[in-house]
Amino acid sequence: MHFFFPSDFTGSVKKVPVKNWQKAAKPCLYLSVYYFSIMAKKTVRRSSGSKPKAKPSLEFHFLKTQSYRTYHVDGAFGGLTPRGGIYIEFYVERLPTPNLLRQEMNEDGTLGNILATESKHGVIREIECGVALDLTTAEALQEWLGNRITELRGLRDEGKIGQIPTKRVQR
């Protein structure tokens, strides 16, 4: 099996054995999304009178980038893109952090009452990240999320929220 990487921006491609993919990927680090084409051929042979062999399969390995983070999300907004995609920005809601806080000093050196604060008023919606999806990906995400919601509601109804499900769920 080999990976095929763009070797430059002229459209030429270089073939790299799987074991050397990380070296080959380094020039691609400047791209925000890596596109990999996996070329694998498997032949299923049958001898006359025998049962068909199992279908070929492909394993997917999930690797986290150095910039991987987990985000808490309180909400999202977005819309359609000019090229027919969907764009979503996820945010966290919080109260404003004061720009200035003035506090009394007690005689023993400890802090006393708050005398004054300067801060914005209202609620802050801090945008954590934006996600661009095409229609096919959005539909797959909608189905996946619907399945997780159904699963979570079932656990809630059974009083099992907070317990680890014994059934392995494809994520």
Protein backbone atom coordinates (compact mmCIF):
# COMPACT_ATOMS: atom_id res chain seq x y z
CA MET A 1 0.00 0.00 0.00
CA HIS A 2 1.20 3.51 -0.81
CA PHE A 3 0.09 7.06 -0.09
CA PHE A 4 0.09 9.61 -2.88
CA PHE A 5 1.16 13.14 -1.89
CA PRO A 6 1.27 16.33 -3.94
CA SER A 7 5.01 16.88 -4.41
CA ASP A 8 4.56 20.53 -5.31
CA PHE A 9 1.79 22.87 -6.42
CA THR A 10 2.09 21.96 -10.12
CA GLY A 11 -0.19 18.95 -9.80
CA SER A 12 2.52 16.29 -9.88
CA VAL A 13 2.24 13.48 -7.35
CA LYS A 14 4.81 11.37 -5.54
CA LYS A 15 4.22 7.78 -4.49
CA VAL A 16 5.40 7.03 -0.93
CA PRO A 17 5.38 3.66 0.88
CA VAL A 18 3.08 3.64 3.92
CA LYS A 19 6.00 3.31 6.36
CA ASN A 20 7.48 6.63 5.07
CA TRP A 21 4.27 8.68 4.97
CA GLN A 22 5.26 11.02 7.83
CA LYS A 23 8.42 12.20 6.02
CA ALA A 24 6.46 12.77 2.85
CA ALA A 25 3.71 14.66 4.68
CA LYS A 26 6.06 17.29 6.16
CA PRO A 27 5.98 19.51 3.04
CA CYS A 28 2.19 19.41 3.25
CA LEU A 29 2.08 20.84 6.80
CA TYR A 30 1.39 24.30 5.40
CA LEU A 31 -1.98 23.11 4.12
CA SER A 32 -4.87 23.31 6.56
CA VAL A 33 -6.36 20.06 5.27
CA TYR A 34 -4.44 17.05 4.00
CA TYR A 35 -5.90 15.06 1.18
CA PHE A 36 -4.69 11.49 1.02
CA SER A 37 -5.54 8.93 -1.61
CA ILE A 38 -5.13 5.36 -0.51
CA MET A 39 -4.59 3.00 -3.38
CA ALA A 40 -5.08 -0.63 -2.35
CA LYS A 41 -5.93 -3.58 -4.54
CA LYS A 42 -7.23 -6.86 -3.19
CA THR A 43 -8.32 -9.80 -5.24
CA VAL A 44 -10.90 -12.27 -4.00
CA ARG A 45 -10.33 -15.67 -5.61
CA ARG A 46 -12.75 -18.55 -5.54
CA SER A 47 -12.06 -22.12 -6.37
CA SER A 48 -15.01 -23.94 -7.86
CA GLY A 49 -17.42 -25.27 -5.26
CA SER A 50 -15.92 -23.30 -2.36
CA LYS A 51 -17.64 -20.64 -0.31
CA PRO A 52 -16.84 -17.03 -1.18
CA LYS A 53 -14.05 -15.53 0.91
CA ALA A 54 -14.72 -12.56 3.16
CA LYS A 55 -14.92 -9.19 1.45
CA PRO A 56 -11.80 -7.07 1.56
CA SER A 57 -11.74 -4.48 4.32
CA LEU A 58 -9.93 -1.25 5.05
CA GLU A 59 -8.83 -0.13 8.52
CA PHE A 60 -9.03 3.54 9.49
CA HIS A 61 -6.51 4.79 12.05
CA PHE A 62 -7.36 8.01 13.87
CA LEU A 63 -4.38 10.25 14.61
CA LYS A 64 -4.69 13.50 16.54
CA THR A 65 -2.73 16.49 15.26
CA GLN A 66 -0.50 18.56 17.54
CA SER A 67 -3.16 21.27 17.51
CA TYR A 68 -5.96 18.89 18.64
CA ARG A 69 -8.14 20.31 21.44
CA THR A 70 -11.44 19.47 23.08
CA TYR A 71 -13.92 22.36 23.07
CA HIS A 72 -16.93 22.96 25.28
CA VAL A 73 -19.76 24.34 23.13
CA ASP A 74 -22.74 26.36 24.36
CA GLY A 75 -24.09 27.16 20.92
CA ALA A 76 -23.40 27.66 17.24
CA PHE A 77 -24.32 29.93 14.37
CA GLY A 78 -23.49 30.00 10.71
CA GLY A 79 -25.05 29.58 7.32
CA LEU A 80 -24.51 28.66 3.70
CA THR A 81 -21.30 29.56 1.90
CA PRO A 82 -21.13 31.18 -1.55
CA ARG A 83 -19.83 27.87 -2.97
CA GLY A 84 -22.75 25.80 -1.68
CA GLY A 85 -21.30 24.54 1.59
CA ILE A 86 -22.28 25.01 5.21
CA TYR A 87 -20.20 27.03 7.67
CA ILE A 88 -20.67 26.74 11.45
CA GLU A 89 -18.95 28.68 14.23
CA PHE A 90 -19.08 27.22 17.74
CA TYR A 91 -19.04 29.46 20.80
CA VAL A 92 -18.89 29.43 24.59
CA GLU A 93 -21.08 31.81 26.58
CA ARG A 94 -19.71 33.46 29.69
CA LEU A 95 -19.96 36.60 31.75
CA PRO A 96 -17.36 39.29 31.02
CA THR A 97 -14.07 39.14 32.86
CA PRO A 98 -13.40 42.46 34.60
CA ASN A 99 -10.81 44.74 33.00
CA LEU A 100 -10.07 46.22 36.43
CA LEU A 101 -10.80 45.14 39.98
CA ARG A 102 -10.05 47.33 43.02
CA GLN A 103 -10.04 45.58 46.40
CA GLU A 104 -9.37 46.66 50.01
CA MET A 105 -6.24 45.52 51.80
CA ASN A 106 -6.80 44.39 55.38
CA GLU A 107 -4.28 45.29 58.11
CA ASP A 108 -3.03 41.68 58.17
CA GLY A 109 -2.23 41.84 54.43
CA THR A 110 -5.20 39.79 53.22
CA LEU A 111 -7.65 41.05 50.61
CA GLY A 112 -10.89 42.61 51.82
CA ASN A 113 -14.05 43.83 50.11
CA ILE A 114 -14.23 44.62 46.41
CA LEU A 115 -14.43 48.39 46.04
CA ALA A 116 -14.91 48.72 42.26
CA THR A 117 -14.84 46.82 38.99
CA GLU A 118 -14.69 47.91 35.38
CA SER A 119 -16.13 45.44 32.92
CA LYS A 120 -18.20 45.02 29.80
CA HIS A 121 -21.91 44.46 30.36
CA GLY A 122 -23.93 41.61 28.92
CA VAL A 123 -22.90 38.12 27.88
CA ILE A 124 -19.73 37.24 25.97
CA ARG A 125 -20.01 34.68 23.16
CA GLU A 126 -16.44 33.60 22.61
CA ILE A 127 -16.02 31.86 19.25
CA GLU A 128 -13.89 28.75 19.67
CA CYS A 129 -13.70 27.48 16.09
CA GLY A 130 -15.35 27.45 12.69
CA VAL A 131 -16.15 24.35 10.64
CA ALA A 132 -16.84 24.18 6.88
CA LEU A 133 -18.81 21.19 5.55
CA ASP A 134 -20.05 20.06 2.18
CA LEU A 135 -23.59 18.68 1.86
CA THR A 136 -22.56 15.01 2.01
CA THR A 137 -20.50 15.53 5.17
CA ALA A 138 -23.27 17.61 6.78
CA GLU A 139 -25.81 14.84 6.08
CA ALA A 140 -23.49 12.19 7.56
CA LEU A 141 -22.90 14.39 10.62
CA GLN A 142 -26.66 14.92 11.01
CA GLU A 143 -27.26 11.15 10.95
CA TRP A 144 -24.38 10.46 13.36
CA LEU A 145 -25.53 13.16 15.79
CA GLY A 146 -29.14 11.92 15.60
CA ASN A 147 -27.96 8.42 16.54
CA ARG A 148 -25.96 9.75 19.52
CA ILE A 149 -28.98 11.79 20.69
CA THR A 150 -31.23 8.71 20.50
CA GLU A 151 -28.64 6.67 22.40
CA LEU A 152 -28.22 9.35 25.10
CA ARG A 153 -32.00 9.75 25.54
CA GLY A 154 -32.31 5.98 25.97
CA LEU A 155 -29.62 5.97 28.66
CA ARG A 156 -31.30 8.94 30.37
CA ASP A 157 -34.68 7.20 30.32
CA GLU A 158 -33.12 4.04 31.81
CA GLY A 159 -31.44 6.10 34.56
CA LYS A 160 -27.97 5.19 33.29
CA ILE A 161 -26.61 8.67 32.58
CA GLY A 162 -23.07 8.89 33.90
CA GLN A 163 -22.48 5.15 33.50
CA ILE A 164 -20.27 3.83 30.73
CA PRO A 165 -22.35 1.87 28.20
CA THR A 166 -21.34 -1.79 27.96
CA LYS A 167 -22.11 -1.93 24.23
CA ARG A 168 -19.27 -0.59 22.08
CA VAL A 169 -20.58 2.25 19.94
CA GLN A 170 -19.04 3.14 16.57
CA ARG A 171 -18.07 6.77 16.84
